């Protein structure tokens, strides 16, 4: 989902300089994250364009080329799909919930760490830390960046594994469906 310019112009984030001072204003980094989450959602969960295309193709094939001679085959496929969807759909939902739970937990941990660092930075700014305190903060910041990079790599690896599991699962589902469709 991409945000249109008209929506972006009317959003509270870009409305006025006063809105930026608001406690609830969104930072540019958060805007990028929100945009990325929207794009991921539209790519992974918005199946309408694919479904519409497949529906138009099916109607064209059925009405123009095949007629009503495959009605029995379609009824068999419908029965197979309804029998298959009962155990497969909950399995898919469980897998999705597990993966989303892991991602949410990782994001919450990162958010907590960032808040903690922001609080530490504010405390150091208020106390007027010396140059040694600044160097210590820089060292902590470097350690934090390394830790975040490691976490990012772990999340990327978990995501890659999850994608691979989902691919394998859908390949297996397709095999089962093709076996049932051949009957």
C-alpha atoms as a PDB file:
ATOM      1  CA  UNK A   1       0.000   0.000   0.000  1.00  0.00           C
ATOM      2  CA  UNK A   2       1.565   3.252  -1.013  1.00  0.00           C
ATOM      3  CA  UNK A   3       0.426   6.551   0.381  1.00  0.00           C
ATOM      4  CA  UNK A   4      -0.845   8.991  -2.203  1.00  0.00           C
ATOM      5  CA  UNK A   5       0.481  12.566  -2.138  1.00  0.00           C
ATOM      6  CA  UNK A   6      -2.927  13.892  -1.153  1.00  0.00           C
ATOM      7  CA  UNK A   7      -3.075  11.607   1.849  1.00  0.00           C
ATOM      8  CA  UNK A   8       0.470  12.467   2.844  1.00  0.00           C
ATOM      9  CA  UNK A   9      -0.304  16.176   2.666  1.00  0.00           C
ATOM     10  CA  UNK A  10      -3.320  15.833   4.947  1.00  0.00           C
ATOM     11  CA  UNK A  11      -1.678  13.562   7.493  1.00  0.00           C
ATOM     12  CA  UNK A  12      -0.939  14.933  10.962  1.00  0.00           C
ATOM     13  CA  UNK A  13       2.742  14.135  10.482  1.00  0.00           C
ATOM     14  CA  UNK A  14       3.298  16.715   7.727  1.00  0.00           C
ATOM     15  CA  UNK A  15       0.433  19.110   8.495  1.00  0.00           C
ATOM     16  CA  UNK A  16       2.366  21.894  10.264  1.00  0.00           C
ATOM     17  CA  UNK A  17       5.489  22.626  12.299  1.00  0.00           C
ATOM     18  CA  UNK A  18       3.338  22.543  15.434  1.00  0.00           C
ATOM     19  CA  UNK A  19       2.266  18.988  14.632  1.00  0.00           C
ATOM     20  CA  UNK A  20       5.940  17.998  14.563  1.00  0.00           C
ATOM     21  CA  UNK A  21       6.343  19.305  18.094  1.00  0.00           C
ATOM     22  CA  UNK A  22       3.395  17.185  19.197  1.00  0.00           C
ATOM     23  CA  UNK A  23       4.206  14.261  21.493  1.00  0.00           C
ATOM     24  CA  UNK A  24       2.499  11.922  19.029  1.00  0.00           C
ATOM     25  CA  UNK A  25       4.409  13.073  15.936  1.00  0.00           C
ATOM     26  CA  UNK A  26       6.209  10.426  13.932  1.00  0.00           C
ATOM     27  CA  UNK A  27       9.936  10.606  13.176  1.00  0.00           C
ATOM     28  CA  UNK A  28      11.174  10.173   9.607  1.00  0.00           C
ATOM     29  CA  UNK A  29      12.642   6.792  10.548  1.00  0.00           C
ATOM     30  CA  UNK A  30       9.263   5.687  11.880  1.00  0.00           C
ATOM     31  CA  UNK A  31       7.625   6.917   8.682  1.00  0.00           C
ATOM     32  CA  UNK A  32       9.986   4.730   6.669  1.00  0.00           C
ATOM     33  CA  UNK A  33       9.219   1.764   8.904  1.00  0.00           C
ATOM     34  CA  UNK A  34       5.478   2.373   8.537  1.00  0.00           C
ATOM     35  CA  UNK A  35       5.860   2.632   4.769  1.00  0.00           C
ATOM     36  CA  UNK A  36       7.887  -0.611   4.663  1.00  0.00           C
ATOM     37  CA  UNK A  37       5.325  -2.413   6.818  1.00  0.00           C
ATOM     38  CA  UNK A  38       2.566  -1.223   4.476  1.00  0.00           C
ATOM     39  CA  UNK A  39       4.470  -2.457   1.428  1.00  0.00           C
ATOM     40  CA  UNK A  40       5.149  -5.819   3.070  1.00  0.00           C
ATOM     41  CA  UNK A  41       1.469  -6.106   3.966  1.00  0.00           C
ATOM     42  CA  UNK A  42       0.358  -5.341   0.410  1.00  0.00           C
ATOM     43  CA  UNK A  43       2.832  -7.814  -1.081  1.00  0.00           C
ATOM     44  CA  UNK A  44       2.192 -10.664   1.326  1.00  0.00           C
ATOM     45  CA  UNK A  45      -1.425 -10.309   2.346  1.00  0.00           C
ATOM     46  CA  UNK A  46      -3.240  -8.428  -0.444  1.00  0.00           C
ATOM     47  CA  UNK A  47      -4.190 -11.132  -2.929  1.00  0.00           C
ATOM     48  CA  UNK A  48      -6.979  -9.232  -4.702  1.00  0.00           C
ATOM     49  CA  UNK A  49      -5.090  -8.490  -7.954  1.00  0.00           C
ATOM     50  CA  UNK A  50      -4.045 -12.120  -8.305  1.00  0.00           C
ATOM     51  CA  UNK A  51      -7.512 -13.402  -7.468  1.00  0.00           C
ATOM     52  CA  UNK A  52      -9.168 -11.010  -9.950  1.00  0.00           C
ATOM     53  CA  UNK A  53      -6.780 -12.064 -12.709  1.00  0.00           C
ATOM     54  CA  UNK A  54      -7.285 -15.745 -12.000  1.00  0.00           C
ATOM     55  CA  UNK A  55     -11.063 -15.255 -11.909  1.00  0.00           C
ATOM     56  CA  UNK A  56     -11.095 -13.497 -15.291  1.00  0.00           C
ATOM     57  CA  UNK A  57      -8.874 -16.212 -16.778  1.00  0.00           C
ATOM     58  CA  UNK A  58     -11.066 -18.960 -15.360  1.00  0.00           C
ATOM     59  CA  UNK A  59     -14.262 -17.394 -16.710  1.00  0.00           C
ATOM     60  CA  UNK A  60     -12.686 -16.930 -20.133  1.00  0.00           C
ATOM     61  CA  UNK A  61     -11.451 -20.538 -20.250  1.00  0.00           C
ATOM     62  CA  UNK A  62     -14.697 -21.968 -18.951  1.00  0.00           C
ATOM     63  CA  UNK A  63     -17.119 -19.956 -21.078  1.00  0.00           C
ATOM     64  CA  UNK A  64     -15.192 -19.771 -24.335  1.00  0.00           C
ATOM     65  CA  UNK A  65     -13.315 -23.043 -24.593  1.00  0.00           C
ATOM     66  CA  UNK A  66     -14.573 -25.729 -22.297  1.00  0.00           C
ATOM     67  CA  UNK A  67     -18.252 -25.092 -21.856  1.00  0.00           C
ATOM     68  CA  UNK A  68     -20.162 -27.249 -19.398  1.00  0.00           C
ATOM     69  CA  UNK A  69     -18.397 -30.554 -20.026  1.00  0.00           C
ATOM     70  CA  UNK A  70     -16.121 -30.034 -17.016  1.00  0.00           C
ATOM     71  CA  UNK A  71     -18.884 -29.374 -14.535  1.00  0.00           C
ATOM     72  CA  UNK A  72     -18.328 -32.735 -12.869  1.00  0.00           C
ATOM     73  CA  UNK A  73     -14.593 -32.096 -12.627  1.00  0.00           C
ATOM     74  CA  UNK A  74     -15.242 -28.710 -11.046  1.00  0.00           C
ATOM     75  CA  UNK A  75     -17.612 -30.240  -8.513  1.00  0.00           C
ATOM     76  CA  UNK A  76     -14.952 -32.816  -7.595  1.00  0.00           C
ATOM     77  CA  UNK A  77     -12.344 -30.076  -7.234  1.00  0.00           C
ATOM     78  CA  UNK A  78     -14.730 -28.035  -5.089  1.00  0.00           C
ATOM     79  CA  UNK A  79     -15.270 -31.006  -2.794  1.00  0.00           C
ATOM     80  CA  UNK A  80     -11.520 -31.643  -2.621  1.00  0.00           C
ATOM     81  CA  UNK A  81     -10.804 -28.037  -1.779  1.00  0.00           C
ATOM     82  CA  UNK A  82     -13.414 -27.927   0.950  1.00  0.00           C
ATOM     83  CA  UNK A  83     -12.043 -31.150   2.438  1.00  0.00           C
ATOM     84  CA  UNK A  84      -8.474 -29.875   2.193  1.00  0.00           C
ATOM     85  CA  UNK A  85      -9.092 -26.356   3.478  1.00  0.00           C
ATOM     86  CA  UNK A  86     -10.420 -27.562   6.823  1.00  0.00           C
ATOM     87  CA  UNK A  87      -7.039 -28.939   8.051  1.00  0.00           C
ATOM     88  CA  UNK A  88      -4.742 -26.726   5.940  1.00  0.00           C
ATOM     89  CA  UNK A  89      -6.136 -23.289   6.757  1.00  0.00           C
ATOM     90  CA  UNK A  90      -5.703 -23.598  10.547  1.00  0.00           C
ATOM     91  CA  UNK A  91      -2.202 -24.958   9.972  1.00  0.00           C
ATOM     92  CA  UNK A  92      -1.324 -21.936   7.821  1.00  0.00           C
ATOM     93  CA  UNK A  93      -2.836 -19.553  10.351  1.00  0.00           C
ATOM     94  CA  UNK A  94      -0.865 -21.137  13.209  1.00  0.00           C
ATOM     95  CA  UNK A  95       2.365 -20.872  11.229  1.00  0.00           C
ATOM     96  CA  UNK A  96       1.677 -17.236  10.400  1.00  0.00           C
ATOM     97  CA  UNK A  97       0.825 -16.397  14.028  1.00  0.00           C
ATOM     98  CA  UNK A  98       4.043 -18.044  15.253  1.00  0.00           C
ATOM     99  CA  UNK A  99       6.191 -16.091  12.813  1.00  0.00           C
ATOM    100  CA  UNK A 100       4.451 -12.783  13.452  1.00  0.00           C
ATOM    101  CA  UNK A 101       4.828 -13.338  17.191  1.00  0.00           C
ATOM    102  CA  UNK A 102       8.597 -13.740  16.809  1.00  0.00           C
ATOM    103  CA  UNK A 103       8.862 -10.595  14.719  1.00  0.00           C
ATOM    104  CA  UNK A 104       6.751  -8.625  17.194  1.00  0.00           C
ATOM    105  CA  UNK A 105       8.872  -9.818  20.109  1.00  0.00           C
ATOM    106  CA  UNK A 106      12.064  -8.787  18.307  1.00  0.00           C
ATOM    107  CA  UNK A 107      10.646  -5.362  17.476  1.00  0.00           C
ATOM    108  CA  UNK A 108       9.532  -4.817  21.066  1.00  0.00           C
ATOM    109  CA  UNK A 109      13.018  -5.715  22.318  1.00  0.00           C
ATOM    110  CA  UNK A 110      14.619  -3.282  19.869  1.00  0.00           C
ATOM    111  CA  UNK A 111      12.143  -0.570  20.847  1.00  0.00           C
ATOM    112  CA  UNK A 112      12.872  -1.086  24.535  1.00  0.00           C
ATOM    113  CA  UNK A 113      16.614  -0.875  23.891  1.00  0.00           C
ATOM    114  CA  UNK A 114      16.209   2.340  21.911  1.00  0.00           C
ATOM    115  CA  UNK A 115      14.076   3.901  24.656  1.00  0.00           C
ATOM    116  CA  UNK A 116      16.687   2.932  27.249  1.00  0.00           C
ATOM    117  CA  UNK A 117      19.443   4.513  25.168  1.00  0.00           C
ATOM    118  CA  UNK A 118      17.405   7.684  24.667  1.00  0.00           C
ATOM    119  CA  UNK A 119      16.863   7.960  28.420  1.00  0.00           C
ATOM    120  CA  UNK A 120      20.578   7.461  29.054  1.00  0.00           C
ATOM    121  CA  UNK A 121      21.423  10.112  26.466  1.00  0.00           C
ATOM    122  CA  UNK A 122      19.030  12.598  28.076  1.00  0.00           C
ATOM    123  CA  UNK A 123      20.499  11.933  31.520  1.00  0.00           C
ATOM    124  CA  UNK A 124      24.022  12.471  30.226  1.00  0.00           C
ATOM    125  CA  UNK A 125      22.999  15.699  28.481  1.00  0.00           C
ATOM    126  CA  UNK A 126      21.410  17.030  31.682  1.00  0.00           C
ATOM    127  CA  UNK A 127      24.382  16.181  33.879  1.00  0.00           C
ATOM    128  CA  UNK A 128      26.856  17.892  31.515  1.00  0.00           C
ATOM    129  CA  UNK A 129      29.060  14.852  31.023  1.00  0.00           C
ATOM    130  CA  UNK A 130      32.726  15.463  30.259  1.00  0.00           C
ATOM    131  CA  UNK A 131      34.661  14.299  27.246  1.00  0.00           C
ATOM    132  CA  UNK A 132      35.365  10.921  28.895  1.00  0.00           C
ATOM    133  CA  UNK A 133      31.637  10.478  29.408  1.00  0.00           C
ATOM    134  CA  UNK A 134      31.084  11.281  25.752  1.00  0.00           C
ATOM    135  CA  UNK A 135      33.688   8.717  24.696  1.00  0.00           C
ATOM    136  CA  UNK A 136      32.055   6.144  26.935  1.00  0.00           C
ATOM    137  CA  UNK A 137      28.706   6.941  25.351  1.00  0.00           C
ATOM    138  CA  UNK A 138      30.255   6.595  21.896  1.00  0.00           C
ATOM    139  CA  UNK A 139      31.648   3.195  22.888  1.00  0.00           C
ATOM    140  CA  UNK A 140      28.218   2.161  24.142  1.00  0.00           C
ATOM    141  CA  UNK A 141      26.700   3.451  20.929  1.00  0.00           C
ATOM    142  CA  UNK A 142      29.156   1.388  18.865  1.00  0.00           C
ATOM    143  CA  UNK A 143      28.355  -1.665  20.974  1.00  0.00           C
ATOM    144  CA  UNK A 144      24.662  -0.978  20.486  1.00  0.00           C
ATOM    145  CA  UNK A 145      25.105  -0.684  16.716  1.00  0.00           C
ATOM    146  CA  UNK A 146      27.007  -3.975  16.643  1.00  0.00           C
ATOM    147  CA  UNK A 147      24.319  -5.603  18.766  1.00  0.00           C
ATOM    148  CA  UNK A 148      21.586  -4.244  16.494  1.00  0.00           C
ATOM    149  CA  UNK A 149      23.430  -5.483  13.417  1.00  0.00           C
ATOM    150  CA  UNK A 150      23.674  -8.936  14.993  1.00  0.00           C
ATOM    151  CA  UNK A 151      19.981  -8.862  15.854  1.00  0.00           C
ATOM    152  CA  UNK A 152      19.165  -7.730  12.328  1.00  0.00           C
ATOM    153  CA  UNK A 153      21.131 -10.650  10.945  1.00  0.00           C
ATOM    154  CA  UNK A 154      19.312 -13.018  13.295  1.00  0.00           C
ATOM    155  CA  UNK A 155      15.925 -11.600  12.291  1.00  0.00           C
ATOM    156  CA  UNK A 156      16.879 -11.830   8.612  1.00  0.00           C
ATOM    157  CA  UNK A 157      17.921 -15.459   9.106  1.00  0.00           C
ATOM    158  CA  UNK A 158      14.695 -16.250  10.975  1.00  0.00           C
ATOM    159  CA  UNK A 159      12.703 -14.592   8.220  1.00  0.00           C
ATOM    160  CA  UNK A 160      14.600 -16.508   5.539  1.00  0.00           C
ATOM    161  CA  UNK A 161      13.955 -19.775   7.362  1.00  0.00           C
ATOM    162  CA  UNK A 162      10.282 -18.891   7.802  1.00  0.00           C
ATOM    163  CA  UNK A 163       9.963 -18.082   4.116  1.00  0.00           C
ATOM    164  CA  UNK A 164      11.636 -21.377   3.252  1.00  0.00           C
ATOM    165  CA  UNK A 165       9.281 -23.278   5.573  1.00  0.00           C
ATOM    166  CA  UNK A 166       6.293 -21.535   4.045  1.00  0.00           C
ATOM    167  CA  UNK A 167       7.531 -22.333   0.535  1.00  0.00           C
ATOM    168  CA  UNK A 168       7.947 -25.972   1.461  1.00  0.00           C
ATOM    169  CA  UNK A 169       4.525 -25.987   3.074  1.00  0.00           C
ATOM    170  CA  UNK A 170       2.874 -24.488  -0.001  1.00  0.00           C
ATOM    171  CA  UNK A 171       4.737 -26.873  -2.281  1.00  0.00           C
ATOM    172  CA  UNK A 172       3.387 -29.746  -0.191  1.00  0.00           C
ATOM    173  CA  UNK A 173      -0.110 -28.254  -0.281  1.00  0.00           C
ATOM    174  CA  UNK A 174       0.127 -27.867  -4.061  1.00  0.00           C
ATOM    175  CA  UNK A 175       1.241 -31.504  -4.348  1.00  0.00           C
ATOM    176  CA  UNK A 176      -1.722 -32.618  -2.269  1.00  0.00           C
ATOM    177  CA  UNK A 177      -4.086 -30.474  -4.296  1.00  0.00           C
ATOM    178  CA  UNK A 178      -2.704 -31.774  -7.586  1.00  0.00           C
ATOM    179  CA  UNK A 179      -3.082 -35.353  -6.351  1.00  0.00           C
ATOM    180  CA  UNK A 180      -6.685 -34.674  -5.361  1.00  0.00           C
ATOM    181  CA  UNK A 181      -7.396 -32.842  -8.608  1.00  0.00           C
ATOM    182  CA  UNK A 182      -6.150 -35.794 -10.658  1.00  0.00           C
ATOM    183  CA  UNK A 183      -8.729 -38.072  -9.066  1.00  0.00           C
END
